[in-house]
């Protein structure tokens, strides 16, 4: 999942700031690599999403 913003734009988050955002699924094959090593392959299935969320929790990402 990624922020639902137009290509080439950005959203700034100040330290400690909380805000609701809209997320959308990655297009194409759904294979994503990187993102702080949270996703290492496919994200289009429930198993891939569950793995990425588990890594986010283990690494202390807030709200995961």
PDB file of N, CA and C in Angstrom:
ATOM      1  N   UNK A   1       0.845  -1.169   0.000  1.00  0.00           N
ATOM      2  CA  UNK A   1       0.000   0.000   0.000  1.00  0.00           C
ATOM      3  C   UNK A   1       0.895   1.238   0.000  1.00  0.00           C
ATOM      4  N   UNK A   2       0.402   2.296  -0.617  1.00  0.00           N
ATOM      5  CA  UNK A   2       1.147   3.545  -0.636  1.00  0.00           C
ATOM      6  C   UNK A   2       0.169   4.708  -0.562  1.00  0.00           C
ATOM      7  N   UNK A   3       0.690   5.894  -0.279  1.00  0.00           N
ATOM      8  CA  UNK A   3      -0.160   7.073  -0.177  1.00  0.00           C
ATOM      9  C   UNK A   3      -0.877   7.333  -1.489  1.00  0.00           C
ATOM     10  N   UNK A   4      -2.123   7.737  -1.413  1.00  0.00           N
ATOM     11  CA  UNK A   4      -2.915   8.061  -2.595  1.00  0.00           C
ATOM     12  C   UNK A   4      -2.675   9.525  -2.956  1.00  0.00           C
ATOM     13  N   UNK A   5      -1.508   9.798  -3.568  1.00  0.00           N
ATOM     14  CA  UNK A   5      -1.168  11.150  -4.016  1.00  0.00           C
ATOM     15  C   UNK A   5      -0.674  11.063  -5.455  1.00  0.00           C
ATOM     16  N   UNK A   6      -0.778  12.162  -6.171  1.00  0.00           N
ATOM     17  CA  UNK A   6      -0.365  12.187  -7.577  1.00  0.00           C
ATOM     18  C   UNK A   6       1.139  11.961  -7.706  1.00  0.00           C
ATOM     19  N   UNK A   7       1.545  11.327  -8.802  1.00  0.00           N
ATOM     20  CA  UNK A   7       2.968  11.095  -9.068  1.00  0.00           C
ATOM     21  C   UNK A   7       3.711  12.423  -9.092  1.00  0.00           C
ATOM     22  N   UNK A   8       4.886  12.432  -8.492  1.00  0.00           N
ATOM     23  CA  UNK A   8       5.710  13.637  -8.486  1.00  0.00           C
ATOM     24  C   UNK A   8       5.395  14.603  -7.369  1.00  0.00           C
ATOM     25  N   UNK A   9       4.420  14.282  -6.535  1.00  0.00           N
ATOM     26  CA  UNK A   9       4.088  15.149  -5.404  1.00  0.00           C
ATOM     27  C   UNK A   9       4.547  14.485  -4.113  1.00  0.00           C
ATOM     28  N   UNK A  10       4.458  15.216  -3.031  1.00  0.00           N
ATOM     29  CA  UNK A  10       4.895  14.695  -1.737  1.00  0.00           C
ATOM     30  C   UNK A  10       3.994  15.232  -0.637  1.00  0.00           C
ATOM     31  N   UNK A  11       4.010  14.552   0.489  1.00  0.00           N
ATOM     32  CA  UNK A  11       3.299  14.995   1.684  1.00  0.00           C
ATOM     33  C   UNK A  11       4.321  15.043   2.802  1.00  0.00           C
ATOM     34  N   UNK A  12       4.367  16.148   3.517  1.00  0.00           N
ATOM     35  CA  UNK A  12       5.345  16.296   4.593  1.00  0.00           C
ATOM     36  C   UNK A  12       4.698  15.930   5.928  1.00  0.00           C
ATOM     37  N   UNK A  13       5.412  15.128   6.710  1.00  0.00           N
ATOM     38  CA  UNK A  13       4.973  14.759   8.047  1.00  0.00           C
ATOM     39  C   UNK A  13       6.010  15.277   9.027  1.00  0.00           C
ATOM     40  N   UNK A  14       5.605  16.146   9.914  1.00  0.00           N
ATOM     41  CA  UNK A  14       6.504  16.674  10.939  1.00  0.00           C
ATOM     42  C   UNK A  14       6.650  15.641  12.056  1.00  0.00           C
ATOM     43  N   UNK A  15       7.781  15.616  12.736  1.00  0.00           N
ATOM     44  CA  UNK A  15       7.974  14.669  13.837  1.00  0.00           C
ATOM     45  C   UNK A  15       6.854  14.787  14.877  1.00  0.00           C
ATOM     46  N   UNK A  16       6.277  13.662  15.238  1.00  0.00           N
ATOM     47  CA  UNK A  16       5.220  13.629  16.237  1.00  0.00           C
ATOM     48  C   UNK A  16       3.836  13.933  15.693  1.00  0.00           C
ATOM     49  N   UNK A  17       3.751  14.353  14.453  1.00  0.00           N
ATOM     50  CA  UNK A  17       2.461  14.695  13.851  1.00  0.00           C
ATOM     51  C   UNK A  17       1.704  13.424  13.489  1.00  0.00           C
ATOM     52  N   UNK A  18       0.413  13.420  13.750  1.00  0.00           N
ATOM     53  CA  UNK A  18      -0.436  12.298  13.369  1.00  0.00           C
ATOM     54  C   UNK A  18      -1.504  12.815  12.428  1.00  0.00           C
ATOM     55  N   UNK A  19      -1.764  12.051  11.375  1.00  0.00           N
ATOM     56  CA  UNK A  19      -2.831  12.437  10.457  1.00  0.00           C
ATOM     57  C   UNK A  19      -3.344  11.201   9.744  1.00  0.00           C
ATOM     58  N   UNK A  20      -4.606  11.229   9.383  1.00  0.00           N
ATOM     59  CA  UNK A  20      -5.214  10.137   8.638  1.00  0.00           C
ATOM     60  C   UNK A  20      -4.830  10.291   7.174  1.00  0.00           C
ATOM     61  N   UNK A  21      -4.498   9.181   6.524  1.00  0.00           N
ATOM     62  CA  UNK A  21      -4.134   9.195   5.113  1.00  0.00           C
ATOM     63  C   UNK A  21      -4.910   8.104   4.386  1.00  0.00           C
ATOM     64  N   UNK A  22      -5.045   8.275   3.079  1.00  0.00           N
ATOM     65  CA  UNK A  22      -5.678   7.262   2.242  1.00  0.00           C
ATOM     66  C   UNK A  22      -4.583   6.446   1.579  1.00  0.00           C
ATOM     67  N   UNK A  23      -4.704   5.128   1.661  1.00  0.00           N
ATOM     68  CA  UNK A  23      -3.728   4.230   1.052  1.00  0.00           C
ATOM     69  C   UNK A  23      -4.372   3.487  -0.106  1.00  0.00           C
ATOM     70  N   UNK A  24      -3.575   3.196  -1.136  1.00  0.00           N
ATOM     71  CA  UNK A  24      -4.040   2.411  -2.276  1.00  0.00           C
ATOM     72  C   UNK A  24      -3.026   1.304  -2.553  1.00  0.00           C
ATOM     73  N   UNK A  25      -3.488   0.241  -3.186  1.00  0.00           N
ATOM     74  CA  UNK A  25      -2.613  -0.890  -3.505  1.00  0.00           C
ATOM     75  C   UNK A  25      -1.660  -0.523  -4.638  1.00  0.00           C
ATOM     76  N   UNK A  26      -0.479  -1.148  -4.643  1.00  0.00           N
ATOM     77  CA  UNK A  26       0.459  -0.978  -5.745  1.00  0.00           C
ATOM     78  C   UNK A  26      -0.118  -1.645  -6.987  1.00  0.00           C
ATOM     79  N   UNK A  27       0.119  -1.054  -8.145  1.00  0.00           N
ATOM     80  CA  UNK A  27      -0.366  -1.611  -9.403  1.00  0.00           C
ATOM     81  C   UNK A  27       0.583  -2.655  -9.969  1.00  0.00           C
ATOM     82  N   UNK A  28       0.288  -3.100 -11.169  1.00  0.00           N
ATOM     83  CA  UNK A  28       1.145  -4.073 -11.846  1.00  0.00           C
ATOM     84  C   UNK A  28       1.100  -5.427 -11.175  1.00  0.00           C
ATOM     85  N   UNK A  29       2.251  -6.063 -11.063  1.00  0.00           N
ATOM     86  CA  UNK A  29       2.319  -7.406 -10.478  1.00  0.00           C
ATOM     87  C   UNK A  29       2.216  -7.388  -8.964  1.00  0.00           C
ATOM     88  N   UNK A  30       2.325  -6.211  -8.360  1.00  0.00           N
ATOM     89  CA  UNK A  30       2.251  -6.111  -6.909  1.00  0.00           C
ATOM     90  C   UNK A  30       3.531  -6.491  -6.206  1.00  0.00           C
ATOM     91  N   UNK A  31       4.617  -6.631  -6.966  1.00  0.00           N
ATOM     92  CA  UNK A  31       5.906  -6.956  -6.351  1.00  0.00           C
ATOM     93  C   UNK A  31       6.611  -5.669  -5.959  1.00  0.00           C
ATOM     94  N   UNK A  32       6.946  -5.555  -4.687  1.00  0.00           N
ATOM     95  CA  UNK A  32       7.561  -4.339  -4.157  1.00  0.00           C
ATOM     96  C   UNK A  32       8.782  -4.739  -3.342  1.00  0.00           C
ATOM     97  N   UNK A  33       9.882  -4.052  -3.577  1.00  0.00           N
ATOM     98  CA  UNK A  33      11.122  -4.327  -2.850  1.00  0.00           C
ATOM     99  C   UNK A  33      11.603  -3.037  -2.209  1.00  0.00           C
ATOM    100  N   UNK A  34      12.078  -3.130  -0.988  1.00  0.00           N
ATOM    101  CA  UNK A  34      12.593  -1.949  -0.306  1.00  0.00           C
ATOM    102  C   UNK A  34      11.666  -1.509   0.800  1.00  0.00           C
ATOM    103  N   UNK A  35      11.334  -0.211   0.799  1.00  0.00           N
ATOM    104  CA  UNK A  35      10.443   0.352   1.819  1.00  0.00           C
ATOM    105  C   UNK A  35      10.932  -0.029   3.212  1.00  0.00           C
ATOM    106  N   UNK A  36      12.178   0.296   3.505  1.00  0.00           N
ATOM    107  CA  UNK A  36      12.797  -0.054   4.787  1.00  0.00           C
ATOM    108  C   UNK A  36      12.810  -1.563   5.016  1.00  0.00           C
ATOM    109  N   UNK A  37      12.888  -2.318   3.929  1.00  0.00           N
ATOM    110  CA  UNK A  37      12.879  -3.791   3.939  1.00  0.00           C
ATOM    111  C   UNK A  37      11.586  -4.367   4.514  1.00  0.00           C
ATOM    112  N   UNK A  38      10.522  -3.581   4.477  1.00  0.00           N
ATOM    113  CA  UNK A  38       9.245  -4.093   4.961  1.00  0.00           C
ATOM    114  C   UNK A  38       8.633  -5.063   3.964  1.00  0.00           C
ATOM    115  N   UNK A  39       8.768  -4.766   2.694  1.00  0.00           N
ATOM    116  CA  UNK A  39       8.217  -5.652   1.671  1.00  0.00           C
ATOM    117  C   UNK A  39       9.356  -6.186   0.824  1.00  0.00           C
ATOM    118  N   UNK A  40       9.388  -7.476   0.678  1.00  0.00           N
ATOM    119  CA  UNK A  40      10.445  -8.122  -0.098  1.00  0.00           C
ATOM    120  C   UNK A  40       9.810  -9.072  -1.102  1.00  0.00           C
ATOM    121  N   UNK A  41       9.003  -8.545  -1.997  1.00  0.00           N
ATOM    122  CA  UNK A  41       8.375  -9.378  -3.019  1.00  0.00           C
ATOM    123  C   UNK A  41       6.929  -8.998  -3.214  1.00  0.00           C
ATOM    124  N   UNK A  42       6.096 -10.016  -3.366  1.00  0.00           N
ATOM    125  CA  UNK A  42       4.700  -9.754  -3.705  1.00  0.00           C
ATOM    126  C   UNK A  42       3.914  -9.198  -2.519  1.00  0.00           C
ATOM    127  N   UNK A  43       3.026  -8.273  -2.839  1.00  0.00           N
ATOM    128  CA  UNK A  43       2.182  -7.666  -1.813  1.00  0.00           C
ATOM    129  C   UNK A  43       0.706  -7.811  -2.151  1.00  0.00           C
ATOM    130  N   UNK A  44       0.408  -8.478  -3.274  1.00  0.00           N
ATOM    131  CA  UNK A  44      -0.968  -8.561  -3.744  1.00  0.00           C
ATOM    132  C   UNK A  44      -1.778  -9.646  -3.039  1.00  0.00           C
ATOM    133  N   UNK A  45      -1.129 -10.497  -2.252  1.00  0.00           N
ATOM    134  CA  UNK A  45      -1.849 -11.561  -1.557  1.00  0.00           C
ATOM    135  C   UNK A  45      -1.907 -11.263  -0.059  1.00  0.00           C
ATOM    136  N   UNK A  46      -2.799 -11.922   0.611  1.00  0.00           N
ATOM    137  CA  UNK A  46      -2.930 -11.737   2.054  1.00  0.00           C
ATOM    138  C   UNK A  46      -1.659 -12.170   2.777  1.00  0.00           C
ATOM    139  N   UNK A  47      -1.008 -13.235   2.294  1.00  0.00           N
ATOM    140  CA  UNK A  47       0.228 -13.709   2.932  1.00  0.00           C
ATOM    141  C   UNK A  47       1.329 -12.663   2.824  1.00  0.00           C
ATOM    142  N   UNK A  48       1.495 -12.064   1.653  1.00  0.00           N
ATOM    143  CA  UNK A  48       2.516 -11.031   1.470  1.00  0.00           C
ATOM    144  C   UNK A  48       2.248  -9.817   2.327  1.00  0.00           C
ATOM    145  N   UNK A  49       0.988  -9.407   2.401  1.00  0.00           N
ATOM    146  CA  UNK A  49       0.606  -8.266   3.228  1.00  0.00           C
ATOM    147  C   UNK A  49       0.830  -8.574   4.704  1.00  0.00           C
ATOM    148  N   UNK A  50       0.458  -9.777   5.131  1.00  0.00           N
ATOM    149  CA  UNK A  50       0.649 -10.166   6.533  1.00  0.00           C
ATOM    150  C   UNK A  50       2.123 -10.164   6.916  1.00  0.00           C
ATOM    151  N   UNK A  51       2.976 -10.665   6.014  1.00  0.00           N
ATOM    152  CA  UNK A  51       4.423 -10.672   6.281  1.00  0.00           C
ATOM    153  C   UNK A  51       4.955  -9.254   6.443  1.00  0.00           C
ATOM    154  N   UNK A  52       4.547  -8.350   5.554  1.00  0.00           N
ATOM    155  CA  UNK A  52       5.018  -6.964   5.616  1.00  0.00           C
ATOM    156  C   UNK A  52       4.548  -6.288   6.903  1.00  0.00           C
ATOM    157  N   UNK A  53       3.305  -6.520   7.295  1.00  0.00           N
ATOM    158  CA  UNK A  53       2.792  -5.916   8.529  1.00  0.00           C
ATOM    159  C   UNK A  53       3.499  -6.486   9.756  1.00  0.00           C
ATOM    160  N   UNK A  54       3.807  -7.780   9.739  1.00  0.00           N
ATOM    161  CA  UNK A  54       4.533  -8.390  10.859  1.00  0.00           C
ATOM    162  C   UNK A  54       5.920  -7.771  10.989  1.00  0.00           C
ATOM    163  N   UNK A  55       6.612  -7.560   9.860  1.00  0.00           N
ATOM    164  CA  UNK A  55       7.931  -6.917   9.902  1.00  0.00           C
ATOM    165  C   UNK A  55       7.817  -5.492  10.433  1.00  0.00           C
ATOM    166  N   UNK A  56       6.770  -4.778  10.047  1.00  0.00           N
ATOM    167  CA  UNK A  56       6.581  -3.410  10.528  1.00  0.00           C
ATOM    168  C   UNK A  56       6.412  -3.399  12.046  1.00  0.00           C
ATOM    169  N   UNK A  57       5.645  -4.337  12.581  1.00  0.00           N
ATOM    170  CA  UNK A  57       5.464  -4.416  14.031  1.00  0.00           C
ATOM    171  C   UNK A  57       6.772  -4.757  14.726  1.00  0.00           C
ATOM    172  N   UNK A  58       7.525  -5.714  14.178  1.00  0.00           N
ATOM    173  CA  UNK A  58       8.802  -6.110  14.779  1.00  0.00           C
ATOM    174  C   UNK A  58       9.791  -4.955  14.808  1.00  0.00           C
ATOM    175  N   UNK A  59       9.740  -4.105  13.791  1.00  0.00           N
ATOM    176  CA  UNK A  59      10.675  -2.984  13.698  1.00  0.00           C
ATOM    177  C   UNK A  59      10.181  -1.737  14.428  1.00  0.00           C
ATOM    178  N   UNK A  60       8.997  -1.825  15.038  1.00  0.00           N
ATOM    179  CA  UNK A  60       8.500  -0.724  15.851  1.00  0.00           C
ATOM    180  C   UNK A  60       7.813   0.395  15.093  1.00  0.00           C
ATOM    181  N   UNK A  61       7.331   0.121  13.868  1.00  0.00           N
ATOM    182  CA  UNK A  61       6.601   1.142  13.130  1.00  0.00           C
ATOM    183  C   UNK A  61       5.257   1.367  13.810  1.00  0.00           C
ATOM    184  N   UNK A  62       4.977   2.599  14.130  1.00  0.00           N
ATOM    185  CA  UNK A  62       3.763   2.956  14.846  1.00  0.00           C
ATOM    186  C   UNK A  62       2.538   2.698  13.973  1.00  0.00           C
ATOM    187  N   UNK A  63       1.497   2.121  14.546  1.00  0.00           N
ATOM    188  CA  UNK A  63       0.251   1.897  13.835  1.00  0.00           C
ATOM    189  C   UNK A  63       0.226   0.634  12.992  1.00  0.00           C
ATOM    190  N   UNK A  64       1.290  -0.150  13.034  1.00  0.00           N
ATOM    191  CA  UNK A  64       1.332  -1.365  12.206  1.00  0.00           C
ATOM    192  C   UNK A  64       0.541  -2.483  12.856  1.00  0.00           C
TER     193      UNK A  64
END
